[in-house]
Amino acid sequence: MNRFEDILAECIDEVRAGKAGIEDCLGRSPSMRGQLEPLLRIALEMREAPDGTPSPAFKMEARA
């Protein structure tokens, strides 16, 4: 990864872990703030997709 990608990944990890706030991360890299801020905010709004595996009960009902 390049420096920008490393900083973005580190900020995402730190904010999700509660170790830093968005402004803390942006303040450490002021020259990259314009690029970093929108990507950081988008990444933090995204959530992992829920498990799409149907439950055994649903499978039985669907077959019936």
PDB file of N, CA and C in Angstrom:
ATOM      1  N   MET A   1       0.837  -1.182   0.000  1.00  0.00           N
ATOM      2  CA  MET A   1       0.000   0.000   0.000  1.00  0.00           C
ATOM      3  C   MET A   1       0.886   1.250   0.000  1.00  0.00           C
ATOM      4  N   ASN A   2       0.313   2.314  -0.503  1.00  0.00           N
ATOM      5  CA  ASN A   2       1.074   3.561  -0.438  1.00  0.00           C
ATOM      6  C   ASN A   2       0.754   4.294   0.862  1.00  0.00           C
ATOM      7  N   ARG A   3       1.410   5.368   1.093  1.00  0.00           N
ATOM      8  CA  ARG A   3       1.272   6.104   2.358  1.00  0.00           C
ATOM      9  C   ARG A   3      -0.175   6.535   2.609  1.00  0.00           C
ATOM     10  N   PHE A   4      -0.852   7.064   1.591  1.00  0.00           N
ATOM     11  CA  PHE A   4      -2.235   7.503   1.750  1.00  0.00           C
ATOM     12  C   PHE A   4      -3.127   6.343   2.180  1.00  0.00           C
ATOM     13  N   GLU A   5      -3.001   5.208   1.501  1.00  0.00           N
ATOM     14  CA  GLU A   5      -3.820   4.042   1.830  1.00  0.00           C
ATOM     15  C   GLU A   5      -3.539   3.551   3.244  1.00  0.00           C
ATOM     16  N   ASP A   6      -2.280   3.584   3.646  1.00  0.00           N
ATOM     17  CA  ASP A   6      -1.919   3.176   5.006  1.00  0.00           C
ATOM     18  C   ASP A   6      -2.565   4.086   6.045  1.00  0.00           C
ATOM     19  N   ILE A   7      -2.517   5.392   5.788  1.00  0.00           N
ATOM     20  CA  ILE A   7      -3.100   6.355   6.726  1.00  0.00           C
ATOM     21  C   ILE A   7      -4.607   6.166   6.798  1.00  0.00           C
ATOM     22  N   LEU A   8      -5.262   5.990   5.656  1.00  0.00           N
ATOM     23  CA  LEU A   8      -6.709   5.781   5.637  1.00  0.00           C
ATOM     24  C   LEU A   8      -7.086   4.518   6.411  1.00  0.00           C
ATOM     25  N   ALA A   9      -6.391   3.425   6.156  1.00  0.00           N
ATOM     26  CA  ALA A   9      -6.682   2.162   6.845  1.00  0.00           C
ATOM     27  C   ALA A   9      -6.462   2.297   8.349  1.00  0.00           C
ATOM     28  N   GLU A  10      -5.396   2.964   8.734  1.00  0.00           N
ATOM     29  CA  GLU A  10      -5.103   3.157  10.154  1.00  0.00           C
ATOM     30  C   GLU A  10      -6.199   4.000  10.820  1.00  0.00           C
ATOM     31  N   CYS A  11      -6.626   5.060  10.150  1.00  0.00           N
ATOM     32  CA  CYS A  11      -7.683   5.913  10.709  1.00  0.00           C
ATOM     33  C   CYS A  11      -8.995   5.145  10.863  1.00  0.00           C
ATOM     34  N   ILE A  12      -9.342   4.377   9.860  1.00  0.00           N
ATOM     35  CA  ILE A  12     -10.575   3.585   9.932  1.00  0.00           C
ATOM     36  C   ILE A  12     -10.513   2.646  11.128  1.00  0.00           C
ATOM     37  N   ASP A  13      -9.404   1.947  11.271  1.00  0.00           N
ATOM     38  CA  ASP A  13      -9.245   1.009  12.389  1.00  0.00           C
ATOM     39  C   ASP A  13      -9.336   1.721  13.733  1.00  0.00           C
ATOM     40  N   GLU A  14      -8.657   2.863  13.859  1.00  0.00           N
ATOM     41  CA  GLU A  14      -8.635   3.581  15.129  1.00  0.00           C
ATOM     42  C   GLU A  14     -10.006   4.150  15.490  1.00  0.00           C
ATOM     43  N   VAL A  15     -10.716   4.691  14.514  1.00  0.00           N
ATOM     44  CA  VAL A  15     -12.032   5.258  14.804  1.00  0.00           C
ATOM     45  C   VAL A  15     -13.019   4.147  15.160  1.00  0.00           C
ATOM     46  N   ARG A  16     -13.002   3.055  14.421  1.00  0.00           N
ATOM     47  CA  ARG A  16     -13.909   1.931  14.726  1.00  0.00           C
ATOM     48  C   ARG A  16     -13.619   1.332  16.100  1.00  0.00           C
ATOM     49  N   ALA A  17     -12.361   1.339  16.505  1.00  0.00           N
ATOM     50  CA  ALA A  17     -11.975   0.787  17.808  1.00  0.00           C
ATOM     51  C   ALA A  17     -12.187   1.788  18.941  1.00  0.00           C
ATOM     52  N   GLY A  18     -12.558   3.015  18.600  1.00  0.00           N
ATOM     53  CA  GLY A  18     -12.768   4.031  19.620  1.00  0.00           C
ATOM     54  C   GLY A  18     -11.486   4.630  20.163  1.00  0.00           C
ATOM     55  N   LYS A  19     -10.379   4.415  19.477  1.00  0.00           N
ATOM     56  CA  LYS A  19      -9.085   4.928  19.931  1.00  0.00           C
ATOM     57  C   LYS A  19      -8.856   6.376  19.504  1.00  0.00           C
ATOM     58  N   ALA A  20      -9.586   6.825  18.476  1.00  0.00           N
ATOM     59  CA  ALA A  20      -9.423   8.191  17.961  1.00  0.00           C
ATOM     60  C   ALA A  20     -10.720   8.628  17.306  1.00  0.00           C
ATOM     61  N   GLY A  21     -10.878   9.921  17.178  1.00  0.00           N
ATOM     62  CA  GLY A  21     -12.016  10.463  16.458  1.00  0.00           C
ATOM     63  C   GLY A  21     -11.590  10.833  15.044  1.00  0.00           C
ATOM     64  N   ILE A  22     -12.570  11.124  14.207  1.00  0.00           N
ATOM     65  CA  ILE A  22     -12.272  11.500  12.830  1.00  0.00           C
ATOM     66  C   ILE A  22     -11.359  12.722  12.792  1.00  0.00           C
ATOM     67  N   GLU A  23     -11.678  13.732  13.594  1.00  0.00           N
ATOM     68  CA  GLU A  23     -10.870  14.952  13.596  1.00  0.00           C
ATOM     69  C   GLU A  23      -9.444  14.690  14.070  1.00  0.00           C
ATOM     70  N   ASP A  24      -9.280  13.757  15.004  1.00  0.00           N
ATOM     71  CA  ASP A  24      -7.931  13.388  15.460  1.00  0.00           C
ATOM     72  C   ASP A  24      -7.105  12.857  14.288  1.00  0.00           C
ATOM     73  N   CYS A  25      -7.702  11.950  13.531  1.00  0.00           N
ATOM     74  CA  CYS A  25      -6.993  11.366  12.388  1.00  0.00           C
ATOM     75  C   CYS A  25      -6.688  12.413  11.331  1.00  0.00           C
ATOM     76  N   LEU A  26      -7.658  13.251  11.040  1.00  0.00           N
ATOM     77  CA  LEU A  26      -7.455  14.273  10.014  1.00  0.00           C
ATOM     78  C   LEU A  26      -6.393  15.280  10.439  1.00  0.00           C
ATOM     79  N   GLY A  27      -6.316  15.559  11.726  1.00  0.00           N
ATOM     80  CA  GLY A  27      -5.337  16.504  12.241  1.00  0.00           C
ATOM     81  C   GLY A  27      -3.910  16.009  12.134  1.00  0.00           C
ATOM     82  N   ARG A  28      -3.738  14.701  12.093  1.00  0.00           N
ATOM     83  CA  ARG A  28      -2.387  14.134  11.980  1.00  0.00           C
ATOM     84  C   ARG A  28      -1.847  14.210  10.558  1.00  0.00           C
ATOM     85  N   SER A  29      -2.745  14.358   9.586  1.00  0.00           N
ATOM     86  CA  SER A  29      -2.325  14.407   8.179  1.00  0.00           C
ATOM     87  C   SER A  29      -3.015  15.572   7.477  1.00  0.00           C
ATOM     88  N   PRO A  30      -2.729  16.807   7.889  1.00  0.00           N
ATOM     89  CA  PRO A  30      -3.454  17.955   7.329  1.00  0.00           C
ATOM     90  C   PRO A  30      -3.267  18.130   5.820  1.00  0.00           C
ATOM     91  N   SER A  31      -2.137  17.722   5.286  1.00  0.00           N
ATOM     92  CA  SER A  31      -1.926  17.869   3.848  1.00  0.00           C
ATOM     93  C   SER A  31      -2.797  16.921   3.029  1.00  0.00           C
ATOM     94  N   MET A  32      -3.316  15.867   3.660  1.00  0.00           N
ATOM     95  CA  MET A  32      -4.157  14.889   2.965  1.00  0.00           C
ATOM     96  C   MET A  32      -5.626  15.015   3.339  1.00  0.00           C
ATOM     97  N   ARG A  33      -5.955  15.985   4.157  1.00  0.00           N
ATOM     98  CA  ARG A  33      -7.313  16.116   4.682  1.00  0.00           C
ATOM     99  C   ARG A  33      -8.374  16.132   3.576  1.00  0.00           C
ATOM    100  N   GLY A  34      -8.141  16.875   2.513  1.00  0.00           N
ATOM    101  CA  GLY A  34      -9.122  16.982   1.433  1.00  0.00           C
ATOM    102  C   GLY A  34      -9.455  15.652   0.792  1.00  0.00           C
ATOM    103  N   GLN A  35      -8.479  14.783   0.663  1.00  0.00           N
ATOM    104  CA  GLN A  35      -8.691  13.453   0.091  1.00  0.00           C
ATOM    105  C   GLN A  35      -9.172  12.472   1.150  1.00  0.00           C
ATOM    106  N   LEU A  36      -8.624  12.590   2.316  1.00  0.00           N
ATOM    107  CA  LEU A  36      -8.862  11.625   3.381  1.00  0.00           C
ATOM    108  C   LEU A  36     -10.266  11.726   3.982  1.00  0.00           C
ATOM    109  N   GLU A  37     -10.724  12.934   4.226  1.00  0.00           N
ATOM    110  CA  GLU A  37     -11.987  13.116   4.952  1.00  0.00           C
ATOM    111  C   GLU A  37     -13.187  12.440   4.284  1.00  0.00           C
ATOM    112  N   PRO A  38     -13.446  12.669   2.986  1.00  0.00           N
ATOM    113  CA  PRO A  38     -14.643  12.030   2.421  1.00  0.00           C
ATOM    114  C   PRO A  38     -14.560  10.505   2.414  1.00  0.00           C
ATOM    115  N   LEU A  39     -13.391   9.964   2.139  1.00  0.00           N
ATOM    116  CA  LEU A  39     -13.249   8.503   2.125  1.00  0.00           C
ATOM    117  C   LEU A  39     -13.391   7.919   3.524  1.00  0.00           C
ATOM    118  N   LEU A  40     -12.841   8.605   4.496  1.00  0.00           N
ATOM    119  CA  LEU A  40     -12.936   8.146   5.875  1.00  0.00           C
ATOM    120  C   LEU A  40     -14.393   8.149   6.336  1.00  0.00           C
ATOM    121  N   ARG A  41     -15.112   9.208   6.042  1.00  0.00           N
ATOM    122  CA  ARG A  41     -16.524   9.291   6.446  1.00  0.00           C
ATOM    123  C   ARG A  41     -17.370   8.224   5.762  1.00  0.00           C
ATOM    124  N   ILE A  42     -17.126   7.992   4.477  1.00  0.00           N
ATOM    125  CA  ILE A  42     -17.873   6.951   3.763  1.00  0.00           C
ATOM    126  C   ILE A  42     -17.554   5.581   4.335  1.00  0.00           C
ATOM    127  N   ALA A  43     -16.287   5.309   4.554  1.00  0.00           N
ATOM    128  CA  ALA A  43     -15.882   3.998   5.075  1.00  0.00           C
ATOM    129  C   ALA A  43     -16.502   3.735   6.444  1.00  0.00           C
ATOM    130  N   LEU A  44     -16.604   4.773   7.260  1.00  0.00           N
ATOM    131  CA  LEU A  44     -17.147   4.583   8.597  1.00  0.00           C
ATOM    132  C   LEU A  44     -18.666   4.454   8.597  1.00  0.00           C
ATOM    133  N   GLU A  45     -19.319   4.909   7.535  1.00  0.00           N
ATOM    134  CA  GLU A  45     -20.766   4.749   7.440  1.00  0.00           C
ATOM    135  C   GLU A  45     -21.146   3.358   6.956  1.00  0.00           C
ATOM    136  N   MET A  46     -20.222   2.708   6.275  1.00  0.00           N
ATOM    137  CA  MET A  46     -20.496   1.378   5.743  1.00  0.00           C
ATOM    138  C   MET A  46     -20.480   0.339   6.858  1.00  0.00           C
ATOM    139  N   ARG A  47     -21.323  -0.612   6.730  1.00  0.00           N
ATOM    140  CA  ARG A  47     -21.379  -1.714   7.682  1.00  0.00           C
ATOM    141  C   ARG A  47     -21.177  -3.016   6.917  1.00  0.00           C
ATOM    142  N   GLU A  48     -20.779  -4.036   7.632  1.00  0.00           N
ATOM    143  CA  GLU A  48     -20.645  -5.340   6.991  1.00  0.00           C
ATOM    144  C   GLU A  48     -22.032  -5.874   6.662  1.00  0.00           C
ATOM    145  N   ALA A  49     -22.122  -6.578   5.553  1.00  0.00           N
ATOM    146  CA  ALA A  49     -23.402  -7.155   5.144  1.00  0.00           C
ATOM    147  C   ALA A  49     -23.793  -8.263   6.115  1.00  0.00           C
ATOM    148  N   PRO A  50     -25.076  -8.355   6.414  1.00  0.00           N
ATOM    149  CA  PRO A  50     -25.509  -9.432   7.308  1.00  0.00           C
ATOM    150  C   PRO A  50     -25.347 -10.795   6.626  1.00  0.00           C
ATOM    151  N   ASP A  51     -25.288 -11.812   7.436  1.00  0.00           N
ATOM    152  CA  ASP A  51     -25.173 -13.172   6.925  1.00  0.00           C
ATOM    153  C   ASP A  51     -26.423 -13.492   6.108  1.00  0.00           C
ATOM    154  N   GLY A  52     -26.240 -13.911   4.868  1.00  0.00           N
ATOM    155  CA  GLY A  52     -27.367 -14.181   3.980  1.00  0.00           C
ATOM    156  C   GLY A  52     -27.794 -15.636   3.967  1.00  0.00           C
ATOM    157  N   THR A  53     -27.278 -16.434   4.882  1.00  0.00           N
ATOM    158  CA  THR A  53     -27.616 -17.850   4.933  1.00  0.00           C
ATOM    159  C   THR A  53     -28.974 -18.031   5.601  1.00  0.00           C
ATOM    160  N   PRO A  54     -29.920 -18.673   4.916  1.00  0.00           N
ATOM    161  CA  PRO A  54     -31.236 -18.882   5.531  1.00  0.00           C
ATOM    162  C   PRO A  54     -31.154 -19.862   6.702  1.00  0.00           C
ATOM    163  N   SER A  55     -31.991 -19.638   7.691  1.00  0.00           N
ATOM    164  CA  SER A  55     -32.015 -20.519   8.860  1.00  0.00           C
ATOM    165  C   SER A  55     -32.648 -21.856   8.479  1.00  0.00           C
ATOM    166  N   PRO A  56     -32.364 -22.905   9.250  1.00  0.00           N
ATOM    167  CA  PRO A  56     -33.003 -24.198   8.977  1.00  0.00           C
ATOM    168  C   PRO A  56     -34.531 -24.111   9.025  1.00  0.00           C
ATOM    169  N   ALA A  57     -35.063 -23.295   9.934  1.00  0.00           N
ATOM    170  CA  ALA A  57     -36.526 -23.156  10.023  1.00  0.00           C
ATOM    171  C   ALA A  57     -37.086 -22.532   8.742  1.00  0.00           C
ATOM    172  N   PHE A  58     -36.412 -21.529   8.226  1.00  0.00           N
ATOM    173  CA  PHE A  58     -36.861 -20.910   6.984  1.00  0.00           C
ATOM    174  C   PHE A  58     -36.832 -21.893   5.831  1.00  0.00           C
ATOM    175  N   LYS A  59     -35.786 -22.702   5.754  1.00  0.00           N
ATOM    176  CA  LYS A  59     -35.674 -23.700   4.686  1.00  0.00           C
ATOM    177  C   LYS A  59     -36.815 -24.685   4.759  1.00  0.00           C
ATOM    178  N   MET A  60     -37.158 -25.128   5.958  1.00  0.00           N
ATOM    179  CA  MET A  60     -38.264 -26.099   6.107  1.00  0.00           C
ATOM    180  C   MET A  60     -39.582 -25.468   5.680  1.00  0.00           C
ATOM    181  N   GLU A  61     -39.823 -24.218   6.070  1.00  0.00           N
ATOM    182  CA  GLU A  61     -41.055 -23.532   5.696  1.00  0.00           C
ATOM    183  C   GLU A  61     -41.123 -23.329   4.190  1.00  0.00           C
ATOM    184  N   ALA A  62     -40.013 -23.019   3.585  1.00  0.00           N
ATOM    185  CA  ALA A  62     -39.991 -22.775   2.147  1.00  0.00           C
ATOM    186  C   ALA A  62     -40.289 -24.048   1.368  1.00  0.00           C
ATOM    187  N   ARG A  63     -39.855 -25.157   1.892  1.00  0.00           N
ATOM    188  CA  ARG A  63     -40.105 -26.436   1.213  1.00  0.00           C
ATOM    189  C   ARG A  63     -41.567 -26.849   1.333  1.00  0.00           C
ATOM    190  N   ALA A  64     -42.208 -26.438   2.397  1.00  0.00           N
ATOM    191  CA  ALA A  64     -43.598 -26.869   2.666  1.00  0.00           C
ATOM    192  C   ALA A  64     -44.607 -26.213   1.786  1.00  0.00           C
TER     193      ALA A  64
END
